[in-house]
Amino acid sequence: MTAKCPPFDEIGIVVGLASEAKLARRLTAHVLCSGGRPEVAARQALELINSGVTTLMSFGIAGALSPGLRPGSRVIATEIITDFEAYPALAGSANIVKSHSGAIYGAWTIVASPGEKAAIFARTGALAVDMESAAIAKVAMEHNIPFVALRAIADPAGHGLPPAALLPLSPSGRPRLLAVLWSVLSNPGQIPALIRTARQTGAALKSLRRATHRLAR
């Protein structure tokens, strides 16, 4: 779908990370953070609809499935797909924020390894993967309201995620620092990959910040 994105004061946004929520609030006050839990994202999407929003949006970082995407590349979904279903999405803002447009794969667990990413890409052709979009898009479709997904790539298709990056977040979408520290102390060999992941995440968040600036004009 390529219809124009509705006004942002009518949009409710669900994110996974606290850092994403801070950026999303540059667009609208209707922002909730799921802490990276799809089931929470679905409940929050319904909560936003009950509060009166007329469009739902998934916003944040993602992992690349397409080998052509690099940290900071932006993707606006034309649809959200899983292994079982597909949900429509509006892609009319792709030119405004200079984004790739295509399918985003909705996962219920973190897709951590290059092998997993390659298998999903071969099976679905989706450009990127995240853990909130499918849950939010399903609620939007069930309530017959528009859905938008804007994601910026953090980890590229050829990079895996270190163990510390796979730990559950707090309900507010922040890393549990003691758990991360324990993971690093238990497995210090992951430190270079963890530093790389932090840099890639930083590039994705900067890209999202630029996108919000363009959208808010």
N, C-alpha and C. Protein backbone atom coordinates (compact mmCIF):
# COMPACT_ATOMS: atom_id res chain seq x y z
N MET A 1 0.84 -1.19 0.00
CA MET A 1 0.00 0.00 0.00
C MET A 1 0.88 1.24 0.00
N THR A 2 0.51 2.25 -0.76
CA THR A 2 1.35 3.43 -0.87
C THR A 2 0.62 4.71 -0.47
N ALA A 3 -0.51 4.59 0.24
CA ALA A 3 -1.24 5.78 0.66
C ALA A 3 -0.39 6.63 1.58
N LYS A 4 -0.69 7.93 1.60
CA LYS A 4 0.07 8.86 2.43
C LYS A 4 -0.16 8.58 3.90
N CYS A 5 0.88 8.75 4.69
CA CYS A 5 0.81 8.55 6.14
C CYS A 5 -0.11 9.61 6.75
N PRO A 6 -1.02 9.23 7.66
CA PRO A 6 -1.91 10.20 8.30
C PRO A 6 -1.14 11.17 9.19
N PRO A 7 -1.80 12.27 9.65
CA PRO A 7 -1.15 13.20 10.56
C PRO A 7 -0.67 12.50 11.83
N PHE A 8 0.48 12.92 12.35
CA PHE A 8 1.07 12.19 13.46
C PHE A 8 0.30 12.34 14.76
N ASP A 9 -0.50 13.40 14.91
CA ASP A 9 -1.28 13.49 16.14
C ASP A 9 -2.39 12.46 16.20
N GLU A 10 -2.61 11.74 15.09
CA GLU A 10 -3.61 10.67 15.05
C GLU A 10 -2.96 9.29 15.12
N ILE A 11 -1.64 9.23 15.21
CA ILE A 11 -0.91 7.97 15.16
C ILE A 11 -0.45 7.55 16.55
N GLY A 12 -0.61 6.26 16.85
CA GLY A 12 -0.05 5.67 18.05
C GLY A 12 1.15 4.81 17.68
N ILE A 13 2.26 5.00 18.37
CA ILE A 13 3.50 4.32 18.04
C ILE A 13 3.88 3.36 19.17
N VAL A 14 4.24 2.14 18.79
CA VAL A 14 4.76 1.15 19.73
C VAL A 14 6.21 0.86 19.36
N VAL A 15 7.09 0.91 20.34
CA VAL A 15 8.51 0.65 20.15
C VAL A 15 8.94 -0.48 21.09
N GLY A 16 10.20 -0.91 20.94
CA GLY A 16 10.73 -1.92 21.83
C GLY A 16 11.70 -1.40 22.85
N LEU A 17 12.40 -0.31 22.52
CA LEU A 17 13.48 0.22 23.36
C LEU A 17 13.14 1.61 23.88
N ALA A 18 13.67 1.92 25.05
CA ALA A 18 13.48 3.26 25.61
C ALA A 18 14.09 4.32 24.71
N SER A 19 15.24 4.02 24.11
CA SER A 19 15.89 4.99 23.22
C SER A 19 15.04 5.25 21.98
N GLU A 20 14.32 4.25 21.51
CA GLU A 20 13.41 4.44 20.37
C GLU A 20 12.22 5.29 20.78
N ALA A 21 11.71 5.07 21.99
CA ALA A 21 10.56 5.84 22.47
C ALA A 21 10.89 7.32 22.54
N LYS A 22 12.10 7.65 22.98
CA LYS A 22 12.51 9.05 23.07
C LYS A 22 12.44 9.72 21.71
N LEU A 23 12.88 9.02 20.66
CA LEU A 23 12.83 9.57 19.31
C LEU A 23 11.40 9.64 18.79
N ALA A 24 10.61 8.61 19.06
CA ALA A 24 9.24 8.57 18.56
C ALA A 24 8.41 9.71 19.14
N ARG A 25 8.73 10.14 20.34
CA ARG A 25 7.96 11.23 20.96
C ARG A 25 8.21 12.57 20.29
N ARG A 26 9.17 12.62 19.37
CA ARG A 26 9.33 13.81 18.56
C ARG A 26 8.20 13.93 17.53
N LEU A 27 7.50 12.81 17.31
CA LEU A 27 6.43 12.78 16.32
C LEU A 27 5.04 12.87 16.94
N THR A 28 4.86 12.22 18.08
CA THR A 28 3.54 12.16 18.70
C THR A 28 3.70 11.85 20.18
N ALA A 29 2.70 12.24 20.96
CA ALA A 29 2.70 11.91 22.39
C ALA A 29 2.20 10.50 22.64
N HIS A 30 1.61 9.89 21.63
CA HIS A 30 1.01 8.55 21.79
C HIS A 30 2.06 7.48 21.54
N VAL A 31 2.96 7.26 22.49
CA VAL A 31 4.07 6.32 22.33
C VAL A 31 4.09 5.37 23.53
N LEU A 32 4.17 4.08 23.26
CA LEU A 32 4.31 3.08 24.31
C LEU A 32 5.49 2.18 23.99
N CYS A 33 6.15 1.70 25.04
CA CYS A 33 7.35 0.87 24.88
C CYS A 33 7.09 -0.54 25.40
N SER A 34 7.32 -1.52 24.56
CA SER A 34 6.99 -2.91 24.88
C SER A 34 8.11 -3.67 25.56
N GLY A 35 9.31 -3.08 25.63
CA GLY A 35 10.44 -3.81 26.17
C GLY A 35 10.87 -4.98 25.31
N GLY A 36 10.55 -4.93 24.02
CA GLY A 36 10.96 -5.99 23.10
C GLY A 36 10.14 -7.25 23.21
N ARG A 37 8.94 -7.17 23.74
CA ARG A 37 8.08 -8.34 23.92
C ARG A 37 6.87 -8.24 22.99
N PRO A 38 6.77 -9.12 22.00
CA PRO A 38 5.67 -9.02 21.03
C PRO A 38 4.29 -9.05 21.66
N GLU A 39 4.10 -9.88 22.69
CA GLU A 39 2.78 -9.97 23.30
C GLU A 39 2.41 -8.67 24.00
N VAL A 40 3.41 -7.99 24.56
CA VAL A 40 3.16 -6.67 25.17
C VAL A 40 2.87 -5.64 24.09
N ALA A 41 3.60 -5.71 22.98
CA ALA A 41 3.36 -4.79 21.86
C ALA A 41 1.92 -4.89 21.37
N ALA A 42 1.39 -6.11 21.30
CA ALA A 42 0.01 -6.29 20.86
C ALA A 42 -0.96 -5.65 21.83
N ARG A 43 -0.75 -5.84 23.12
CA ARG A 43 -1.64 -5.23 24.13
C ARG A 43 -1.56 -3.72 24.08
N GLN A 44 -0.34 -3.20 23.87
CA GLN A 44 -0.19 -1.75 23.82
C GLN A 44 -0.82 -1.17 22.56
N ALA A 45 -0.76 -1.90 21.46
CA ALA A 45 -1.42 -1.44 20.24
C ALA A 45 -2.92 -1.31 20.46
N LEU A 46 -3.51 -2.28 21.14
CA LEU A 46 -4.94 -2.22 21.45
C LEU A 46 -5.24 -1.07 22.41
N GLU A 47 -4.36 -0.85 23.37
CA GLU A 47 -4.53 0.27 24.30
C GLU A 47 -4.53 1.60 23.56
N LEU A 48 -3.65 1.74 22.57
CA LEU A 48 -3.60 2.98 21.80
C LEU A 48 -4.87 3.18 20.98
N ILE A 49 -5.37 2.11 20.40
CA ILE A 49 -6.63 2.21 19.64
C ILE A 49 -7.75 2.65 20.57
N ASN A 50 -7.81 2.05 21.76
CA ASN A 50 -8.87 2.42 22.71
C ASN A 50 -8.74 3.86 23.20
N SER A 51 -7.52 4.42 23.08
CA SER A 51 -7.32 5.82 23.48
C SER A 51 -7.73 6.79 22.38
N GLY A 52 -8.01 6.27 21.18
CA GLY A 52 -8.53 7.12 20.11
C GLY A 52 -7.63 7.32 18.91
N VAL A 53 -6.45 6.69 18.87
CA VAL A 53 -5.62 6.86 17.68
C VAL A 53 -6.28 6.18 16.49
N THR A 54 -5.98 6.67 15.30
CA THR A 54 -6.61 6.14 14.09
C THR A 54 -5.63 5.38 13.20
N THR A 55 -4.36 5.36 13.58
CA THR A 55 -3.33 4.64 12.83
C THR A 55 -2.31 4.11 13.83
N LEU A 56 -1.77 2.92 13.56
CA LEU A 56 -0.72 2.35 14.40
C LEU A 56 0.60 2.36 13.65
N MET A 57 1.69 2.54 14.39
CA MET A 57 3.02 2.57 13.78
C MET A 57 3.99 1.75 14.62
N SER A 58 4.81 0.96 13.94
CA SER A 58 5.94 0.27 14.54
C SER A 58 7.20 1.05 14.15
N PHE A 59 8.02 1.38 15.16
CA PHE A 59 9.14 2.30 14.94
C PHE A 59 10.33 1.82 15.75
N GLY A 60 11.51 1.78 15.08
CA GLY A 60 12.70 1.41 15.83
C GLY A 60 13.77 0.79 14.96
N ILE A 61 14.68 0.09 15.61
CA ILE A 61 15.78 -0.56 14.89
C ILE A 61 15.35 -1.94 14.44
N ALA A 62 16.14 -2.52 13.55
CA ALA A 62 15.84 -3.85 13.01
C ALA A 62 17.14 -4.52 12.60
N GLY A 63 17.05 -5.81 12.39
CA GLY A 63 18.17 -6.55 11.81
C GLY A 63 17.96 -6.67 10.30
N ALA A 64 19.04 -6.60 9.55
CA ALA A 64 18.94 -6.74 8.10
C ALA A 64 18.83 -8.21 7.72
N LEU A 65 17.96 -8.50 6.77
CA LEU A 65 17.92 -9.80 6.12
C LEU A 65 18.53 -9.72 4.73
N SER A 66 18.29 -8.59 4.05
CA SER A 66 18.88 -8.37 2.74
C SER A 66 20.36 -8.01 2.88
N PRO A 67 21.24 -8.69 2.14
CA PRO A 67 22.67 -8.38 2.25
C PRO A 67 23.02 -6.96 1.80
N GLY A 68 22.13 -6.30 1.09
CA GLY A 68 22.43 -4.96 0.59
C GLY A 68 22.22 -3.85 1.59
N LEU A 69 21.68 -4.15 2.77
CA LEU A 69 21.40 -3.12 3.76
C LEU A 69 22.54 -3.03 4.78
N ARG A 70 22.85 -1.80 5.17
CA ARG A 70 23.94 -1.54 6.09
C ARG A 70 23.42 -0.82 7.34
N PRO A 71 24.20 -0.76 8.42
CA PRO A 71 23.74 -0.03 9.60
C PRO A 71 23.34 1.41 9.25
N GLY A 72 22.14 1.78 9.67
CA GLY A 72 21.62 3.11 9.35
C GLY A 72 20.68 3.12 8.16
N SER A 73 20.69 2.08 7.32
CA SER A 73 19.72 2.01 6.22
C SER A 73 18.31 1.99 6.80
N ARG A 74 17.40 2.72 6.17
CA ARG A 74 16.02 2.76 6.66
C ARG A 74 15.11 1.93 5.76
N VAL A 75 14.14 1.29 6.38
CA VAL A 75 13.16 0.48 5.66
C VAL A 75 11.77 0.88 6.10
N ILE A 76 10.91 1.18 5.14
CA ILE A 76 9.49 1.35 5.40
C ILE A 76 8.77 0.16 4.78
N ALA A 77 7.95 -0.48 5.59
CA ALA A 77 7.32 -1.73 5.16
C ALA A 77 6.20 -1.51 4.16
N THR A 78 6.17 -2.36 3.14
CA THR A 78 5.00 -2.47 2.27
C THR A 78 4.04 -3.52 2.81
N GLU A 79 4.57 -4.43 3.61
CA GLU A 79 3.77 -5.42 4.30
C GLU A 79 4.63 -6.04 5.40
N ILE A 80 3.96 -6.64 6.37
CA ILE A 80 4.64 -7.39 7.42
C ILE A 80 4.29 -8.85 7.19
N ILE A 81 5.31 -9.70 7.15
CA ILE A 81 5.05 -11.11 6.89
C ILE A 81 5.63 -11.97 8.01
N THR A 82 4.97 -13.09 8.24
CA THR A 82 5.48 -14.13 9.12
C THR A 82 5.48 -15.42 8.30
N ASP A 83 5.78 -16.52 8.93
CA ASP A 83 5.73 -17.79 8.21
C ASP A 83 4.30 -18.24 7.94
N PHE A 84 3.33 -17.54 8.54
CA PHE A 84 1.94 -18.00 8.43
C PHE A 84 0.99 -16.95 7.86
N GLU A 85 1.31 -15.65 8.02
CA GLU A 85 0.38 -14.60 7.64
C GLU A 85 1.11 -13.41 7.05
N ALA A 86 0.33 -12.52 6.43
CA ALA A 86 0.86 -11.25 5.92
C ALA A 86 -0.12 -10.15 6.30
N TYR A 87 0.42 -8.99 6.67
CA TYR A 87 -0.40 -7.87 7.10
C TYR A 87 -0.04 -6.64 6.26
N PRO A 88 -1.02 -5.88 5.81
CA PRO A 88 -0.73 -4.72 4.96
C PRO A 88 -0.10 -3.59 5.74
N ALA A 89 0.66 -2.76 5.02
CA ALA A 89 1.30 -1.58 5.62
C ALA A 89 1.32 -0.45 4.62
N LEU A 90 1.28 0.78 5.12
CA LEU A 90 1.39 1.97 4.28
C LEU A 90 2.85 2.31 4.06
N ALA A 91 3.23 2.56 2.82
CA ALA A 91 4.63 2.88 2.52
C ALA A 91 4.78 4.25 1.87
N GLY A 92 3.78 5.12 2.04
CA GLY A 92 3.79 6.39 1.33
C GLY A 92 4.84 7.38 1.78
N SER A 93 5.48 7.14 2.95
CA SER A 93 6.49 8.08 3.44
C SER A 93 7.91 7.68 3.05
N ALA A 94 8.05 6.62 2.23
CA ALA A 94 9.39 6.12 1.91
C ALA A 94 10.26 7.17 1.25
N ASN A 95 9.69 7.96 0.35
CA ASN A 95 10.47 8.99 -0.32
C ASN A 95 10.84 10.13 0.62
N ILE A 96 9.95 10.44 1.55
CA ILE A 96 10.20 11.55 2.48
C ILE A 96 11.43 11.25 3.34
N VAL A 97 11.53 10.02 3.81
CA VAL A 97 12.63 9.68 4.71
C VAL A 97 13.74 8.89 4.00
N LYS A 98 13.69 8.88 2.66
CA LYS A 98 14.73 8.24 1.85
C LYS A 98 15.00 6.82 2.33
N SER A 99 13.96 6.00 2.26
CA SER A 99 14.02 4.64 2.78
C SER A 99 13.86 3.62 1.67
N HIS A 100 14.36 2.43 1.93
CA HIS A 100 14.01 1.27 1.11
C HIS A 100 12.57 0.89 1.47
N SER A 101 11.85 0.36 0.52
CA SER A 101 10.50 -0.12 0.82
C SER A 101 10.41 -1.59 0.41
N GLY A 102 9.77 -2.37 1.27
CA GLY A 102 9.64 -3.79 1.02
C GLY A 102 9.07 -4.46 2.26
N ALA A 103 9.04 -5.77 2.22
CA ALA A 103 8.47 -6.53 3.34
C ALA A 103 9.42 -6.53 4.53
N ILE A 104 8.84 -6.53 5.72
CA ILE A 104 9.56 -6.74 6.97
C ILE A 104 9.04 -8.04 7.59
N TYR A 105 9.96 -8.85 8.06
CA TYR A 105 9.60 -10.12 8.68
C TYR A 105 9.36 -9.91 10.17
N GLY A 106 8.24 -10.40 10.66
CA GLY A 106 7.92 -10.29 12.08
C GLY A 106 8.30 -11.55 12.82
N ALA A 107 9.26 -11.45 13.72
CA ALA A 107 9.73 -12.60 14.50
C ALA A 107 9.22 -12.50 15.93
N TRP A 108 9.12 -13.66 16.59
CA TRP A 108 8.72 -13.69 18.00
C TRP A 108 9.90 -13.96 18.91
N THR A 109 11.05 -14.26 18.34
CA THR A 109 12.30 -14.38 19.08
C THR A 109 13.38 -13.65 18.29
N ILE A 110 14.48 -13.30 18.95
CA ILE A 110 15.55 -12.58 18.29
C ILE A 110 16.19 -13.45 17.21
N VAL A 111 16.33 -12.89 16.02
CA VAL A 111 17.04 -13.58 14.93
C VAL A 111 18.50 -13.14 15.03
N ALA A 112 19.34 -14.03 15.55
CA ALA A 112 20.66 -13.60 16.01
C ALA A 112 21.81 -13.93 15.08
N SER A 113 21.68 -14.96 14.26
CA SER A 113 22.84 -15.44 13.50
C SER A 113 22.71 -15.15 12.01
N PRO A 114 23.85 -15.01 11.32
CA PRO A 114 23.80 -14.83 9.85
C PRO A 114 23.08 -15.97 9.15
N GLY A 115 23.22 -17.20 9.67
CA GLY A 115 22.54 -18.33 9.05
C GLY A 115 21.03 -18.21 9.14
N GLU A 116 20.52 -17.80 10.30
CA GLU A 116 19.07 -17.60 10.46
C GLU A 116 18.58 -16.51 9.52
N LYS A 117 19.33 -15.42 9.45
CA LYS A 117 18.93 -14.31 8.59
C LYS A 117 18.89 -14.74 7.13
N ALA A 118 19.91 -15.47 6.70
CA ALA A 118 19.96 -15.91 5.30
C ALA A 118 18.80 -16.84 4.98
N ALA A 119 18.45 -17.71 5.91
CA ALA A 119 17.35 -18.67 5.67
C ALA A 119 16.02 -17.93 5.54
N ILE A 120 15.78 -16.94 6.41
CA ILE A 120 14.53 -16.18 6.33
C ILE A 120 14.47 -15.37 5.05
N PHE A 121 15.59 -14.77 4.68
CA PHE A 121 15.63 -13.97 3.45
C PHE A 121 15.34 -14.85 2.23
N ALA A 122 15.94 -16.03 2.19
CA ALA A 122 15.71 -16.94 1.07
C ALA A 122 14.26 -17.41 1.02
N ARG A 123 13.67 -17.58 2.18
CA ARG A 123 12.30 -18.10 2.26
C ARG A 123 11.25 -17.05 1.99
N THR A 124 11.51 -15.79 2.39
CA THR A 124 10.47 -14.77 2.35
C THR A 124 10.78 -13.57 1.47
N GLY A 125 12.09 -13.28 1.26
CA GLY A 125 12.46 -12.08 0.52
C GLY A 125 12.31 -10.80 1.32
N ALA A 126 11.99 -10.90 2.62
CA ALA A 126 11.85 -9.72 3.46
C ALA A 126 13.19 -9.00 3.60
N LEU A 127 13.14 -7.68 3.70
CA LEU A 127 14.37 -6.88 3.79
C LEU A 127 14.95 -6.87 5.19
N ALA A 128 14.09 -6.91 6.21
CA ALA A 128 14.55 -6.72 7.58
C ALA A 128 13.67 -7.53 8.52
N VAL A 129 14.11 -7.63 9.78
CA VAL A 129 13.35 -8.38 10.79
C VAL A 129 13.31 -7.59 12.09
N ASP A 130 12.16 -7.62 12.75
CA ASP A 130 12.04 -7.07 14.10
C ASP A 130 11.01 -7.87 14.86
N MET A 131 10.84 -7.54 16.15
CA MET A 131 9.98 -8.35 17.02
C MET A 131 8.67 -7.66 17.41
N GLU A 132 8.42 -6.46 16.95
CA GLU A 132 7.18 -5.78 17.31
C GLU A 132 6.20 -5.66 16.15
N SER A 133 6.70 -5.53 14.93
CA SER A 133 5.85 -5.12 13.81
C SER A 133 4.70 -6.08 13.54
N ALA A 134 4.95 -7.39 13.58
CA ALA A 134 3.88 -8.34 13.27
C ALA A 134 2.75 -8.25 14.29
N ALA A 135 3.11 -8.14 15.56
CA ALA A 135 2.10 -8.07 16.61
C ALA A 135 1.24 -6.82 16.46
N ILE A 136 1.88 -5.69 16.15
CA ILE A 136 1.15 -4.43 16.00
C ILE A 136 0.30 -4.45 14.73
N ALA A 137 0.89 -4.94 13.64
CA ALA A 137 0.17 -4.98 12.36
C ALA A 137 -1.06 -5.87 12.44
N LYS A 138 -0.97 -6.95 13.18
CA LYS A 138 -2.11 -7.86 13.33
C LYS A 138 -3.27 -7.14 14.03
N VAL A 139 -2.96 -6.40 15.08
CA VAL A 139 -4.00 -5.64 15.78
C VAL A 139 -4.62 -4.59 14.86
N ALA A 140 -3.77 -3.90 14.09
CA ALA A 140 -4.28 -2.89 13.16
C ALA A 140 -5.23 -3.51 12.14
N MET A 141 -4.85 -4.66 11.58
CA MET A 141 -5.69 -5.30 10.58
C MET A 141 -7.01 -5.76 11.21
N GLU A 142 -6.94 -6.31 12.40
CA GLU A 142 -8.16 -6.78 13.07
C GLU A 142 -9.13 -5.64 13.37
N HIS A 143 -8.60 -4.43 13.53
CA HIS A 143 -9.46 -3.28 13.83
C HIS A 143 -9.64 -2.36 12.63
N ASN A 144 -9.17 -2.83 11.48
CA ASN A 144 -9.40 -2.14 10.21
C ASN A 144 -8.89 -0.70 10.24
N ILE A 145 -7.69 -0.51 10.78
CA ILE A 145 -7.07 0.81 10.75
C ILE A 145 -5.70 0.70 10.07
N PRO A 146 -5.18 1.81 9.52
CA PRO A 146 -3.89 1.76 8.82
C PRO A 146 -2.73 1.44 9.76
N PHE A 147 -1.69 0.91 9.16
CA PHE A 147 -0.48 0.53 9.89
C PHE A 147 0.74 0.99 9.11
N VAL A 148 1.73 1.51 9.82
CA VAL A 148 2.99 1.97 9.23
C VAL A 148 4.14 1.36 10.03
N ALA A 149 5.20 0.93 9.35
CA ALA A 149 6.41 0.45 10.03
C ALA A 149 7.62 1.16 9.44
N LEU A 150 8.35 1.85 10.29
CA LEU A 150 9.61 2.50 9.91
C LEU A 150 10.71 1.93 10.79
N ARG A 151 11.70 1.34 10.14
CA ARG A 151 12.79 0.69 10.86
C ARG A 151 14.14 1.11 10.28
N ALA A 152 15.14 1.21 11.15
CA ALA A 152 16.51 1.48 10.71
C ALA A 152 17.37 0.28 11.07
N ILE A 153 18.22 -0.10 10.15
CA ILE A 153 19.05 -1.30 10.33
C ILE A 153 20.14 -1.05 11.36
N ALA A 154 20.26 -1.97 12.29
CA ALA A 154 21.39 -2.01 13.21
C ALA A 154 22.38 -3.07 12.72
N ASP A 155 22.12 -4.34 13.01
CA ASP A 155 23.03 -5.41 12.60
C ASP A 155 22.77 -5.83 11.15
N PRO A 156 23.78 -5.79 10.30
CA PRO A 156 23.61 -6.23 8.90
C PRO A 156 23.45 -7.74 8.80
N ALA A 157 23.09 -8.21 7.62
CA ALA A 157 22.76 -9.61 7.43
C ALA A 157 23.92 -10.55 7.75
N GLY A 158 25.13 -10.10 7.51
CA GLY A 158 26.28 -10.96 7.71
C GLY A 158 26.84 -10.96 9.12
N HIS A 159 26.23 -10.20 10.03
CA HIS A 159 26.73 -10.11 11.41
C HIS A 159 25.77 -10.79 12.37
N GLY A 160 26.32 -11.53 13.31
CA GLY A 160 25.53 -12.10 14.38
C GLY A 160 25.53 -11.20 15.59
N LEU A 161 24.72 -11.55 16.58
CA LEU A 161 24.63 -10.78 17.81
C LEU A 161 25.30 -11.54 18.95
N PRO A 162 26.09 -10.87 19.79
CA PRO A 162 26.74 -11.54 20.91
C PRO A 162 25.74 -11.88 22.00
N PRO A 163 26.09 -12.81 22.91
CA PRO A 163 25.14 -13.24 23.94
C PRO A 163 24.57 -12.11 24.78
N ALA A 164 25.38 -11.11 25.13
CA ALA A 164 24.89 -10.03 25.98
C ALA A 164 23.80 -9.21 25.29
N ALA A 165 23.81 -9.19 23.96
CA ALA A 165 22.80 -8.44 23.23
C ALA A 165 21.48 -9.19 23.13
N LEU A 166 21.48 -10.46 23.54
CA LEU A 166 20.27 -11.28 23.44
C LEU A 166 19.50 -11.34 24.75
N LEU A 167 20.03 -10.71 25.79
CA LEU A 167 19.37 -10.76 27.10
C LEU A 167 18.07 -9.97 27.09
N PRO A 168 17.07 -10.43 27.83
CA PRO A 168 15.80 -9.69 27.89
C PRO A 168 15.99 -8.29 28.44
N LEU A 169 15.21 -7.36 27.92
CA LEU A 169 15.22 -5.98 28.40
C LEU A 169 14.32 -5.83 29.61
N SER A 170 14.48 -4.72 30.31
CA SER A 170 13.54 -4.38 31.37
C SER A 170 12.20 -4.01 30.73
N PRO A 171 11.11 -4.01 31.51
CA PRO A 171 9.81 -3.61 30.95
C PRO A 171 9.82 -2.22 30.32
N SER A 172 10.73 -1.35 30.76
CA SER A 172 10.81 0.00 30.20
C SER A 172 11.67 0.06 28.95
N GLY A 173 12.20 -1.09 28.50
CA GLY A 173 12.97 -1.12 27.26
C GLY A 173 14.43 -0.75 27.42
N ARG A 174 14.97 -0.96 28.62
CA ARG A 174 16.38 -0.67 28.87
C ARG A 174 17.16 -1.96 29.15
N PRO A 175 18.45 -1.99 28.80
CA PRO A 175 19.25 -3.16 29.13
C PRO A 175 19.32 -3.36 30.64
N ARG A 176 19.33 -4.61 31.08
CA ARG A 176 19.54 -4.93 32.49
C ARG A 176 21.05 -4.99 32.71
N LEU A 177 21.60 -3.92 33.25
CA LEU A 177 23.04 -3.74 33.25
C LEU A 177 23.78 -4.82 34.03
N LEU A 178 23.23 -5.27 35.13
CA LEU A 178 23.91 -6.33 35.89
C LEU A 178 23.96 -7.62 35.10
N ALA A 179 22.89 -7.93 34.39
CA ALA A 179 22.87 -9.15 33.57
C ALA A 179 23.87 -9.03 32.43
N VAL A 180 23.96 -7.85 31.82
CA VAL A 180 24.93 -7.64 30.74
C VAL A 180 26.35 -7.77 31.27
N LEU A 181 26.61 -7.18 32.43
CA LEU A 181 27.95 -7.27 33.02
C LEU A 181 28.31 -8.70 33.33
N TRP A 182 27.38 -9.46 33.88
CA TRP A 182 27.65 -10.86 34.20
C TRP A 182 27.93 -11.66 32.92
N SER A 183 27.17 -11.38 31.86
CA SER A 183 27.40 -12.06 30.58
C SER A 183 28.79 -11.77 30.05
N VAL A 184 29.22 -10.52 30.14
CA VAL A 184 30.54 -10.13 29.65
C VAL A 184 31.65 -10.77 30.48
N LEU A 185 31.48 -10.77 31.81
CA LEU A 185 32.48 -11.39 32.68
C LEU A 185 32.57 -12.89 32.45
N SER A 186 31.43 -13.50 32.15
CA SER A 186 31.41 -14.95 31.91
C SER A 186 31.97 -15.32 30.55
N ASN A 187 31.88 -14.39 29.61
CA ASN A 187 32.33 -14.66 28.24
C ASN A 187 32.97 -13.40 27.66
N PRO A 188 34.18 -13.06 28.12
CA PRO A 188 34.81 -11.82 27.65
C PRO A 188 35.16 -11.82 26.17
N GLY A 189 35.17 -12.98 25.56
CA GLY A 189 35.46 -13.04 24.13
C GLY A 189 34.43 -12.34 23.26
N GLN A 190 33.26 -12.06 23.81
CA GLN A 190 32.21 -11.39 23.04
C GLN A 190 32.37 -9.88 22.99
N ILE A 191 33.35 -9.35 23.74
CA ILE A 191 33.47 -7.89 23.85
C ILE A 191 33.63 -7.20 22.50
N PRO A 192 34.50 -7.66 21.58
CA PRO A 192 34.58 -6.98 20.29
C PRO A 192 33.24 -6.95 19.54
N ALA A 193 32.51 -8.07 19.55
CA ALA A 193 31.21 -8.10 18.87
C ALA A 193 30.21 -7.21 19.57
N LEU A 194 30.31 -7.10 20.90
CA LEU A 194 29.39 -6.25 21.64
C LEU A 194 29.65 -4.78 21.33
N ILE A 195 30.92 -4.40 21.22
CA ILE A 195 31.27 -3.03 20.84
C ILE A 195 30.76 -2.73 19.44
N ARG A 196 30.96 -3.67 18.52
CA ARG A 196 30.46 -3.48 17.15
C ARG A 196 28.95 -3.32 17.14
N THR A 197 28.26 -4.14 17.90
CA THR A 197 26.80 -4.06 17.96
C THR A 197 26.35 -2.71 18.50
N ALA A 198 27.05 -2.20 19.52
CA ALA A 198 26.70 -0.90 20.08
C ALA A 198 26.88 0.20 19.04
N ARG A 199 27.96 0.13 18.28
CA ARG A 199 28.18 1.13 17.24
C ARG A 199 27.11 1.05 16.16
N GLN A 200 26.74 -0.16 15.77
CA GLN A 200 25.71 -0.32 14.73
C GLN A 200 24.36 0.17 15.23
N THR A 201 24.06 -0.09 16.49
CA THR A 201 22.81 0.40 17.07
C THR A 201 22.81 1.92 17.11
N GLY A 202 23.95 2.50 17.44
CA GLY A 202 24.07 3.96 17.43
C GLY A 202 23.81 4.54 16.06
N ALA A 203 24.34 3.88 15.02
CA ALA A 203 24.11 4.35 13.65
C ALA A 203 22.63 4.26 13.28
N ALA A 204 21.96 3.20 13.73
CA ALA A 204 20.53 3.05 13.45
C ALA A 204 19.72 4.13 14.14
N LEU A 205 20.05 4.42 15.40
CA LEU A 205 19.30 5.44 16.13
C LEU A 205 19.52 6.83 15.54
N LYS A 206 20.74 7.11 15.07
CA LYS A 206 20.99 8.40 14.40
C LYS A 206 20.16 8.50 13.13
N SER A 207 20.04 7.39 12.41
CA SER A 207 19.24 7.39 11.19
C SER A 207 17.77 7.64 11.51
N LEU A 208 17.28 7.03 12.58
CA LEU A 208 15.90 7.27 12.98
C LEU A 208 15.68 8.71 13.40
N ARG A 209 16.67 9.30 14.05
CA ARG A 209 16.56 10.71 14.44
C ARG A 209 16.42 11.60 13.21
N ARG A 210 17.22 11.31 12.19
CA ARG A 210 17.12 12.10 10.94
C ARG A 210 15.75 11.89 10.30
N ALA A 211 15.24 10.67 10.38
CA ALA A 211 13.92 10.38 9.79
C ALA A 211 12.82 11.16 10.51
N THR A 212 12.89 11.23 11.84
CA THR A 212 11.87 11.99 12.55
C THR A 212 11.93 13.47 12.21
N HIS A 213 13.14 13.96 11.97
CA HIS A 213 13.27 15.37 11.58
C HIS A 213 12.56 15.62 10.24
N ARG A 214 12.75 14.71 9.30
CA ARG A 214 12.09 14.87 7.99
C ARG A 214 10.58 14.75 8.11
N LEU A 215 10.12 13.79 8.90
CA LEU A 215 8.68 13.56 9.02
C LEU A 215 7.97 14.69 9.77
N ALA A 216 8.69 15.31 10.69
CA ALA A 216 8.06 16.35 11.52
C ALA A 216 8.01 17.71 10.84
N ARG A 217 8.61 17.83 9.64
CA ARG A 217 8.61 19.13 8.96
C ARG A 217 7.19 19.55 8.59
